[in-house]
N, C-alpha and C. Protein backbone atom coordinates (compact mmCIF):
# COMPACT_ATOMS: atom_id res chain seq x y z
N MET A 1 54.82 -14.06 -7.14
CA MET A 1 54.20 -13.35 -8.05
C MET A 1 53.09 -14.23 -9.02
N LYS A 2 52.83 -15.59 -9.18
CA LYS A 2 52.02 -16.49 -9.65
C LYS A 2 51.20 -17.51 -7.79
N SER A 3 51.68 -16.85 -7.13
CA SER A 3 50.76 -17.21 -6.46
C SER A 3 49.72 -16.10 -5.84
N SER A 4 50.32 -14.55 -6.25
CA SER A 4 49.49 -13.18 -5.83
C SER A 4 48.55 -13.42 -6.83
N LYS A 5 48.79 -14.37 -8.47
CA LYS A 5 47.68 -14.07 -8.93
C LYS A 5 46.52 -15.20 -8.78
N LEU A 6 47.52 -16.59 -8.45
CA LEU A 6 46.34 -17.30 -8.00
C LEU A 6 45.24 -17.07 -7.23
N LEU A 7 46.09 -16.24 -6.12
CA LEU A 7 45.56 -15.69 -4.96
C LEU A 7 43.87 -14.73 -5.58
N ALA A 8 44.42 -13.75 -6.35
CA ALA A 8 43.51 -12.48 -6.65
C ALA A 8 42.14 -13.32 -7.13
N LEU A 9 43.15 -14.60 -8.52
CA LEU A 9 41.96 -14.91 -8.94
C LEU A 9 40.81 -16.11 -8.69
N PHE A 10 41.20 -16.16 -7.45
CA PHE A 10 40.65 -17.29 -6.41
C PHE A 10 39.64 -16.53 -5.41
N THR A 11 40.15 -15.02 -5.34
CA THR A 11 39.40 -14.61 -4.89
C THR A 11 38.36 -14.01 -5.45
N LEU A 12 38.30 -13.70 -7.31
CA LEU A 12 37.59 -12.95 -7.01
C LEU A 12 36.59 -14.86 -8.33
N ALA A 13 36.94 -15.33 -7.71
CA ALA A 13 35.76 -16.55 -8.18
C ALA A 13 35.13 -17.00 -7.23
N ILE A 14 35.58 -16.79 -5.86
CA ILE A 14 34.56 -17.09 -4.61
C ILE A 14 33.38 -15.77 -4.78
N PHE A 15 33.98 -14.54 -5.27
CA PHE A 15 32.93 -13.24 -4.92
C PHE A 15 31.75 -13.40 -6.13
N PHE A 16 32.49 -14.05 -7.64
CA PHE A 16 31.21 -13.89 -8.02
C PHE A 16 30.42 -15.63 -8.23
N THR A 17 31.01 -16.83 -7.13
CA THR A 17 30.16 -17.25 -6.77
C THR A 17 29.26 -17.25 -5.55
N VAL A 18 29.44 -15.78 -5.27
CA VAL A 18 28.96 -15.34 -4.11
C VAL A 18 27.74 -14.71 -4.06
N ALA A 19 28.02 -14.05 -4.95
CA ALA A 19 27.15 -12.85 -5.66
C ALA A 19 26.31 -13.68 -6.86
N ALA A 20 26.61 -14.66 -6.92
CA ALA A 20 25.34 -15.39 -8.61
C ALA A 20 24.27 -15.94 -7.17
N SER A 21 24.76 -16.89 -6.18
CA SER A 21 24.46 -17.42 -5.14
C SER A 21 23.04 -16.47 -4.24
N SER A 22 23.58 -15.28 -4.11
CA SER A 22 22.57 -14.42 -3.68
C SER A 22 21.23 -13.54 -4.46
N CYS A 23 21.60 -13.61 -5.95
CA CYS A 23 20.91 -13.34 -6.84
C CYS A 23 19.68 -14.09 -6.52
N LYS A 24 18.28 -13.85 -6.14
CA LYS A 24 17.05 -14.20 -6.60
C LYS A 24 16.42 -13.96 -7.46
N HIS A 25 15.96 -15.17 -8.20
CA HIS A 25 15.06 -14.93 -9.70
C HIS A 25 14.15 -15.61 -8.82
N ALA A 26 12.78 -14.68 -9.28
CA ALA A 26 11.46 -14.73 -9.32
C ALA A 26 10.55 -16.16 -9.31
N GLN A 27 11.03 -17.17 -8.92
CA GLN A 27 10.39 -17.98 -10.35
C GLN A 27 8.29 -17.92 -10.12
N VAL A 28 8.42 -18.12 -12.01
CA VAL A 28 7.56 -17.24 -12.80
C VAL A 28 6.46 -18.94 -12.37
N THR A 29 5.19 -18.37 -12.15
CA THR A 29 4.19 -19.45 -12.44
C THR A 29 3.14 -18.73 -13.40
N SER A 30 2.03 -19.84 -12.67
CA SER A 30 0.71 -19.27 -14.22
C SER A 30 0.25 -18.54 -14.09
N GLU A 31 -0.73 -17.99 -12.15
CA GLU A 31 -0.94 -17.21 -11.70
C GLU A 31 -0.01 -15.54 -12.54
N ASP A 32 1.63 -15.77 -12.34
CA ASP A 32 1.99 -14.99 -12.73
C ASP A 32 1.61 -13.95 -13.66
N VAL A 33 1.91 -15.41 -14.84
CA VAL A 33 0.96 -15.28 -16.45
C VAL A 33 0.29 -14.14 -16.19
N GLU A 34 -1.01 -15.23 -16.15
CA GLU A 34 -2.55 -14.51 -16.12
C GLU A 34 -2.76 -13.27 -15.28
N ILE A 35 -1.70 -12.62 -14.25
CA ILE A 35 -1.64 -11.35 -14.21
C ILE A 35 -0.94 -10.32 -14.70
N MET A 36 0.40 -10.23 -15.16
CA MET A 36 0.50 -9.43 -16.28
C MET A 36 0.04 -9.48 -17.59
N ASP A 37 -1.21 -10.39 -17.93
CA ASP A 37 -2.00 -11.07 -19.24
C ASP A 37 -3.10 -9.84 -19.09
N GLU A 38 -3.95 -10.19 -17.41
CA GLU A 38 -4.50 -8.79 -17.36
C GLU A 38 -4.61 -7.82 -17.61
N VAL A 39 -2.96 -7.30 -16.71
CA VAL A 39 -2.72 -5.67 -17.14
C VAL A 39 -2.27 -5.44 -17.94
N MET A 40 -1.96 -6.35 -19.10
CA MET A 40 -1.53 -5.45 -19.81
C MET A 40 -2.59 -5.29 -21.64
N ALA A 41 -3.85 -5.96 -20.84
CA ALA A 41 -5.20 -6.40 -21.50
C ALA A 41 -5.54 -4.84 -21.20
N GLY A 42 -5.61 -4.39 -20.55
CA GLY A 42 -6.39 -2.76 -20.53
C GLY A 42 -7.68 -3.06 -19.63
N GLY A 43 -7.75 -1.95 -20.34
CA GLY A 43 -9.06 -2.26 -19.42
C GLY A 43 -9.59 -1.75 -17.88
N LEU A 44 -8.45 -1.22 -17.18
CA LEU A 44 -8.61 -1.09 -15.61
C LEU A 44 -7.77 -0.26 -16.14
N LEU A 45 -8.85 0.48 -14.54
CA LEU A 45 -10.08 1.91 -14.35
C LEU A 45 -9.22 2.64 -13.12
N PHE A 46 -8.84 3.70 -13.86
CA PHE A 46 -8.04 4.71 -12.88
C PHE A 46 -8.27 5.12 -11.51
N TYR A 47 -8.11 4.93 -10.12
CA TYR A 47 -8.46 6.08 -9.05
C TYR A 47 -9.08 7.28 -9.25
N GLN A 48 -10.52 6.80 -9.15
CA GLN A 48 -11.38 8.24 -8.89
C GLN A 48 -11.69 8.45 -9.96
N GLY A 49 -11.47 8.03 -10.58
CA GLY A 49 -12.00 8.19 -12.16
C GLY A 49 -10.78 9.10 -13.10
N ASN A 50 -9.85 9.57 -12.27
CA ASN A 50 -8.25 10.11 -13.42
C ASN A 50 -6.98 9.15 -13.38
N ASP A 51 -6.49 9.99 -14.77
CA ASP A 51 -5.64 9.77 -15.03
C ASP A 51 -4.33 10.33 -14.39
N VAL A 52 -3.99 10.77 -13.47
CA VAL A 52 -3.23 11.33 -12.52
C VAL A 52 -1.94 10.66 -11.55
N VAL A 53 -0.79 11.43 -12.05
CA VAL A 53 -0.33 10.83 -11.17
C VAL A 53 0.22 11.01 -9.74
N LEU A 54 0.30 10.36 -8.79
CA LEU A 54 0.36 10.03 -6.92
C LEU A 54 1.48 10.18 -7.06
N ARG A 55 1.90 11.35 -6.13
CA ARG A 55 3.01 11.71 -5.31
C ARG A 55 3.43 10.22 -4.13
N ALA A 56 4.12 9.48 -4.34
CA ALA A 56 4.54 9.03 -3.27
C ALA A 56 4.78 9.46 -2.27
N SER A 57 4.35 8.72 -0.99
CA SER A 57 4.23 9.68 0.54
C SER A 57 4.27 8.65 1.71
N GLY A 58 4.49 8.94 3.38
CA GLY A 58 4.78 8.38 3.81
C GLY A 58 6.13 7.65 3.59
N ASN A 59 6.71 6.04 4.04
CA ASN A 59 7.68 5.32 3.73
C ASN A 59 7.40 4.59 2.48
N SER A 60 6.74 5.30 1.33
CA SER A 60 6.25 3.61 0.00
C SER A 60 7.43 3.68 -0.75
N PRO A 61 7.90 2.40 -0.81
CA PRO A 61 8.83 1.71 -1.59
C PRO A 61 8.94 2.14 -2.72
N HIS A 62 7.62 2.19 -3.05
CA HIS A 62 6.90 2.18 -4.91
C HIS A 62 7.64 3.55 -5.36
N GLY A 63 7.20 4.85 -5.67
CA GLY A 63 7.38 6.13 -6.05
C GLY A 63 6.13 6.69 -6.30
N ASP A 64 6.59 7.64 -7.26
CA ASP A 64 5.35 8.35 -7.86
C ASP A 64 4.43 6.93 -8.78
N PHE A 65 2.89 7.21 -9.04
CA PHE A 65 2.86 5.71 -9.92
C PHE A 65 0.66 6.37 -10.00
N LYS A 66 0.32 5.59 -10.99
CA LYS A 66 -1.25 5.61 -10.64
C LYS A 66 -1.20 4.57 -10.92
N LEU A 67 -2.96 4.58 -9.88
CA LEU A 67 -3.31 3.62 -9.04
C LEU A 67 -4.80 3.23 -10.12
N LEU A 68 -4.69 2.05 -10.19
CA LEU A 68 -6.15 1.35 -11.12
C LEU A 68 -6.20 0.52 -10.69
N PHE A 69 -7.38 -0.47 -11.17
CA PHE A 69 -8.72 -1.29 -10.45
C PHE A 69 -9.11 -2.18 -11.75
N ASN A 70 -9.67 -3.35 -10.88
CA ASN A 70 -10.25 -4.08 -12.19
C ASN A 70 -11.93 -3.96 -12.01
N GLN A 71 -12.78 -3.97 -13.03
CA GLN A 71 -13.89 -3.51 -12.70
C GLN A 71 -14.73 -4.25 -11.04
N THR A 72 -14.59 -5.64 -10.72
CA THR A 72 -14.51 -5.89 -9.34
C THR A 72 -13.90 -5.59 -8.18
N ALA A 73 -13.06 -4.75 -8.49
CA ALA A 73 -12.31 -3.94 -7.38
C ALA A 73 -13.21 -2.51 -7.27
N TRP A 74 -13.08 -2.34 -8.59
CA TRP A 74 -13.77 -0.80 -8.65
C TRP A 74 -15.16 -1.04 -8.04
N ASP A 75 -16.45 -1.76 -8.59
CA ASP A 75 -17.36 -1.59 -7.77
C ASP A 75 -17.48 -2.28 -6.49
N ALA A 76 -16.65 -2.60 -5.78
CA ALA A 76 -16.05 -1.87 -4.35
C ALA A 76 -15.91 -0.73 -3.83
N LEU A 77 -15.80 0.03 -4.27
CA LEU A 77 -15.54 1.36 -4.21
C LEU A 77 -16.54 2.27 -3.59
N ASP A 78 -16.69 3.11 -2.61
CA ASP A 78 -17.72 3.91 -2.70
C ASP A 78 -17.96 5.45 -3.46
N SER A 79 -18.28 6.64 -3.31
CA SER A 79 -18.69 7.59 -4.27
C SER A 79 -17.32 8.50 -4.48
N THR A 80 -16.36 7.86 -3.02
CA THR A 80 -15.03 8.61 -3.78
C THR A 80 -13.81 7.76 -3.97
N GLY A 81 -14.20 6.90 -4.18
CA GLY A 81 -13.83 6.44 -5.12
C GLY A 81 -12.84 5.08 -3.87
N ARG A 82 -12.48 5.44 -2.73
CA ARG A 82 -12.20 3.99 -1.88
C ARG A 82 -13.10 3.61 -1.18
N LEU A 83 -12.61 1.91 -0.46
CA LEU A 83 -12.85 1.16 -0.01
C LEU A 83 -13.42 2.07 1.33
N PRO A 84 -14.68 1.43 1.45
CA PRO A 84 -15.07 1.91 2.54
C PRO A 84 -13.91 1.45 4.18
N VAL A 85 -13.30 1.93 4.77
CA VAL A 85 -12.97 1.79 6.16
C VAL A 85 -13.88 0.49 6.85
N GLY A 86 -13.18 -0.37 7.09
CA GLY A 86 -13.49 -1.84 7.63
C GLY A 86 -14.44 -2.81 6.41
N GLY A 87 -13.76 -2.08 4.94
CA GLY A 87 -14.79 -2.66 4.19
C GLY A 87 -13.69 -3.82 3.32
N THR A 88 -13.77 -4.90 2.56
CA THR A 88 -13.08 -5.81 2.10
C THR A 88 -13.15 -5.55 0.74
N PHE A 89 -12.30 -6.20 -0.47
CA PHE A 89 -12.67 -6.30 -1.58
C PHE A 89 -13.70 -8.32 -1.46
N PRO A 90 -13.80 -8.06 -2.57
CA PRO A 90 -14.28 -9.06 -3.15
C PRO A 90 -13.63 -10.27 -4.15
N GLU A 91 -13.38 -11.47 -3.81
CA GLU A 91 -12.61 -12.36 -4.69
C GLU A 91 -12.55 -12.42 -6.28
N GLY A 92 -11.29 -11.63 -6.67
CA GLY A 92 -10.98 -11.56 -8.22
C GLY A 92 -10.04 -9.80 -8.04
N SER A 93 -10.38 -9.21 -7.04
CA SER A 93 -10.65 -8.12 -7.26
C SER A 93 -8.75 -7.40 -7.32
N MET A 94 -8.61 -6.76 -8.06
CA MET A 94 -6.74 -6.57 -9.56
C MET A 94 -6.76 -5.00 -8.25
N ILE A 95 -5.97 -4.79 -7.63
CA ILE A 95 -5.53 -3.32 -8.20
C ILE A 95 -3.77 -3.46 -8.12
N VAL A 96 -3.53 -2.31 -9.03
CA VAL A 96 -2.35 -2.09 -9.99
C VAL A 96 -2.02 -0.52 -9.46
N LYS A 97 -0.32 -0.88 -9.22
CA LYS A 97 0.45 0.71 -9.19
C LYS A 97 0.94 0.42 -10.61
N ASP A 98 1.20 1.33 -11.32
CA ASP A 98 1.85 1.73 -11.92
C ASP A 98 2.62 2.61 -12.37
N ILE A 99 4.13 2.19 -11.47
CA ILE A 99 5.01 2.98 -11.01
C ILE A 99 5.61 3.34 -12.21
N LEU A 100 6.44 4.82 -12.09
CA LEU A 100 6.54 5.33 -12.53
C LEU A 100 7.90 6.28 -12.47
N ARG A 101 9.23 5.79 -13.40
CA ARG A 101 10.23 6.89 -13.07
C ARG A 101 10.16 7.40 -14.50
N GLY A 102 10.72 8.56 -14.42
CA GLY A 102 11.06 9.24 -14.98
C GLY A 102 9.69 9.62 -16.35
N GLY A 103 8.74 9.78 -15.63
CA GLY A 103 7.83 10.10 -16.87
C GLY A 103 7.51 8.44 -17.45
N SER A 104 8.14 7.29 -17.55
CA SER A 104 7.06 6.12 -17.67
C SER A 104 7.08 4.93 -17.39
N THR A 105 6.26 4.11 -17.45
CA THR A 105 6.28 2.56 -16.77
C THR A 105 7.72 2.30 -16.17
N ASP A 106 7.49 2.00 -15.11
CA ASP A 106 9.17 1.20 -14.46
C ASP A 106 8.73 0.15 -14.09
N LEU A 107 7.46 -0.12 -13.42
CA LEU A 107 7.26 -1.32 -12.97
C LEU A 107 5.51 -1.16 -12.33
N TYR A 108 5.17 -2.58 -12.60
CA TYR A 108 3.74 -2.87 -11.66
C TYR A 108 3.64 -3.45 -11.17
N ALA A 109 2.98 -3.02 -10.01
CA ALA A 109 2.69 -3.75 -8.04
C ALA A 109 1.32 -4.14 -8.37
N ILE A 110 0.92 -5.19 -7.89
CA ILE A 110 -0.21 -5.39 -7.82
C ILE A 110 -0.40 -6.96 -7.02
N MET A 111 -1.99 -6.33 -6.62
CA MET A 111 -2.45 -6.92 -5.22
C MET A 111 -3.60 -7.73 -6.16
N LEU A 112 -3.81 -9.09 -6.02
CA LEU A 112 -5.19 -9.98 -6.77
C LEU A 112 -5.42 -10.38 -5.62
N LYS A 113 -6.80 -10.22 -5.54
CA LYS A 113 -8.21 -11.13 -4.07
C LYS A 113 -8.24 -12.43 -4.62
N LYS A 114 -7.50 -12.80 -4.33
CA LYS A 114 -7.91 -15.06 -4.39
C LYS A 114 -7.26 -15.71 -2.99
N SER A 115 -8.07 -15.40 -2.16
CA SER A 115 -7.49 -15.81 -0.84
C SER A 115 -7.64 -17.62 -0.89
N SER A 116 -8.13 -18.08 -1.77
CA SER A 116 -7.97 -19.37 -1.72
C SER A 116 -7.04 -20.45 -3.16
N SER A 117 -6.50 -19.31 -2.93
CA SER A 117 -5.12 -19.74 -3.43
C SER A 117 -4.16 -20.27 -2.42
N SER A 118 -2.92 -21.08 -3.13
CA SER A 118 -1.88 -21.61 -1.66
C SER A 118 -0.99 -20.52 -1.66
N LEU A 119 -0.73 -20.02 -2.70
CA LEU A 119 0.09 -18.75 -2.32
C LEU A 119 -0.57 -17.16 -2.15
N SER A 120 -1.14 -17.35 -1.72
CA SER A 120 -1.62 -16.28 -0.66
C SER A 120 -1.49 -15.85 0.36
N ASN A 121 -1.68 -14.37 0.80
CA ASN A 121 -0.85 -13.92 2.02
C ASN A 121 -2.07 -12.93 2.37
N GLN A 122 -2.84 -13.37 3.65
CA GLN A 122 -3.67 -12.08 3.92
C GLN A 122 -4.66 -11.74 2.85
N GLY A 123 -5.44 -13.03 1.96
CA GLY A 123 -5.70 -13.05 1.05
C GLY A 123 -5.88 -12.43 -0.43
N TRP A 124 -4.69 -12.07 -0.53
CA TRP A 124 -4.10 -11.68 -1.42
C TRP A 124 -2.87 -12.38 -2.18
N LEU A 125 -3.02 -11.74 -3.61
CA LEU A 125 -1.20 -12.72 -4.55
C LEU A 125 -0.59 -11.88 -4.64
N TRP A 126 0.37 -11.45 -4.48
CA TRP A 126 1.26 -9.93 -4.66
C TRP A 126 2.02 -10.44 -5.63
N ASN A 127 2.36 -9.25 -6.75
CA ASN A 127 3.34 -9.90 -7.92
C ASN A 127 3.38 -8.30 -8.08
N GLU A 128 5.22 -7.90 -8.96
CA GLU A 128 5.93 -7.40 -9.41
C GLU A 128 6.28 -7.46 -10.77
N PHE A 129 5.51 -6.72 -11.80
CA PHE A 129 6.90 -7.48 -12.75
C PHE A 129 7.11 -5.55 -13.23
N LYS A 130 8.54 -6.00 -14.75
CA LYS A 130 8.84 -4.69 -15.42
C LYS A 130 7.80 -4.59 -17.29
N PRO A 131 7.66 -3.67 -17.52
CA PRO A 131 6.84 -3.63 -18.53
C PRO A 131 7.49 -4.92 -19.60
N ASN A 132 8.83 -5.22 -19.43
CA ASN A 132 9.53 -6.09 -20.64
C ASN A 132 8.30 -7.39 -20.03
N GLY A 133 7.82 -7.60 -19.31
CA GLY A 133 7.15 -9.32 -18.78
C GLY A 133 8.54 -9.35 -17.57
N SER A 134 9.42 -9.07 -17.45
CA SER A 134 10.31 -10.21 -16.46
C SER A 134 9.93 -9.54 -15.08
N VAL A 135 9.72 -10.99 -14.31
CA VAL A 135 8.77 -10.53 -12.72
C VAL A 135 10.29 -11.00 -11.99
N VAL A 136 9.69 -9.23 -10.83
CA VAL A 136 10.44 -9.25 -10.11
C VAL A 136 9.91 -9.72 -8.59
N ILE A 137 8.92 -9.81 -8.72
CA ILE A 137 8.48 -10.17 -6.68
C ILE A 137 7.24 -11.33 -7.84
N GLY A 138 7.51 -12.31 -7.88
CA GLY A 138 6.73 -13.35 -8.04
C GLY A 138 5.75 -13.55 -6.93
N VAL A 139 4.61 -14.64 -7.28
CA VAL A 139 2.97 -14.62 -6.19
C VAL A 139 3.52 -15.94 -5.23
N SER A 140 4.46 -17.02 -6.08
CA SER A 140 5.23 -17.49 -5.01
C SER A 140 5.60 -17.52 -4.12
N ASP A 141 6.28 -15.96 -4.12
CA ASP A 141 6.92 -14.88 -2.59
C ASP A 141 6.40 -15.24 -1.61
N LYS A 142 4.64 -14.82 -2.24
CA LYS A 142 3.55 -14.86 -0.79
C LYS A 142 3.84 -13.63 -0.13
N GLY A 143 3.98 -13.09 -1.56
CA GLY A 143 3.91 -11.52 -0.38
C GLY A 143 4.91 -10.93 0.96
N ASP A 144 6.25 -11.96 0.85
CA ASP A 144 6.92 -11.37 1.59
C ASP A 144 7.44 -9.98 1.84
N ALA A 145 7.61 -9.62 0.82
CA ALA A 145 8.37 -8.31 1.19
C ALA A 145 7.54 -7.29 0.59
N CYS A 146 6.06 -7.34 0.53
CA CYS A 146 4.93 -6.56 0.56
C CYS A 146 4.22 -6.29 1.51
N VAL A 147 4.00 -7.91 2.74
CA VAL A 147 3.07 -7.54 3.73
C VAL A 147 3.39 -7.17 4.81
N GLY A 148 4.25 -6.83 5.33
CA GLY A 148 5.09 -5.94 5.98
C GLY A 148 4.12 -4.34 6.32
N CYS A 149 5.06 -3.66 5.32
CA CYS A 149 4.25 -2.73 5.21
C CYS A 149 3.05 -2.62 4.94
N HIS A 150 1.87 -3.48 4.27
CA HIS A 150 0.65 -3.66 4.00
C HIS A 150 0.01 -3.64 5.14
N ARG A 151 0.25 -4.34 6.27
CA ARG A 151 -0.08 -5.26 7.82
C ARG A 151 -0.61 -4.31 8.41
N GLY A 152 0.26 -2.73 8.40
CA GLY A 152 -0.08 -1.67 8.91
C GLY A 152 -1.70 -1.08 8.73
N ASN A 153 -2.21 -1.65 7.46
CA ASN A 153 -3.72 -1.21 7.39
C ASN A 153 -4.72 -2.22 7.01
N THR A 154 -5.11 -3.06 7.73
CA THR A 154 -5.95 -3.61 7.85
C THR A 154 -7.34 -3.74 8.21
N ASN A 155 -7.92 -1.74 8.11
CA ASN A 155 -8.81 -1.69 7.84
C ASN A 155 -9.61 -1.65 6.62
N ARG A 156 -8.81 -1.38 5.92
CA ARG A 156 -9.01 -1.14 4.47
C ARG A 156 -8.60 -2.48 3.49
N ASP A 157 -9.31 -3.38 3.84
CA ASP A 157 -8.25 -4.53 3.10
C ASP A 157 -6.88 -4.85 2.91
N PHE A 158 -5.96 -3.97 3.66
CA PHE A 158 -4.54 -4.43 3.43
C PHE A 158 -4.07 -3.68 2.50
N VAL A 159 -4.74 -2.24 1.87
CA VAL A 159 -4.71 -1.73 0.81
C VAL A 159 -4.02 0.04 1.61
N ASN A 160 -2.79 0.71 1.29
CA ASN A 160 -2.45 1.80 2.02
C ASN A 160 -2.81 2.96 0.63
N SER A 161 -3.13 3.13 -0.08
CA SER A 161 -3.27 4.02 -0.78
C SER A 161 -4.39 4.96 -0.15
N PHE A 162 -5.70 4.37 -0.15
CA PHE A 162 -6.63 5.32 -0.11
C PHE A 162 -6.36 6.24 1.82
N ASP A 163 -5.44 6.25 2.21
CA ASP A 163 -5.26 6.92 3.23
C ASP A 163 -3.62 7.57 2.82
N LEU A 164 -3.22 7.44 1.91
CA LEU A 164 -1.76 7.94 1.71
C LEU A 164 -2.85 9.09 0.80
N HIS A 165 -3.47 9.04 -0.03
CA HIS A 165 -3.55 10.35 -0.99
C HIS A 165 -5.62 10.18 -1.63
């Protein structure tokens, strides 16, 4: 009986050790904080000037969202509110997906054009954080979880939303 309890405790200890070691916590950098500060400060502009919910399409992992731009990114858009095919965003452009669950913000997914950063991938810093400030994907991850899908759209500087909405 004692040996079965010890075996059960040993098994639980191994389980929790493996579970804890497999949990990855994003390393928060000063760039993550700067991105969060800019997003939370407001002043971002809605896609095509409309505060509307865009429905997830294709294989998007994000779900329903609102799409926003800082002024630098906004200035690169054409009269349809899109980046022209073959165009690129200038340095400092920020694109934000305000991802909704149950009608309220659940996550912010951000692309910040900063090709000079050692943390950029395809010229962008990639970041995701929760409204409470917890970082889900930090820029130190170099977009590893993001670029796979975004790589399929190099004709609009790795931004998929223009071709999906």
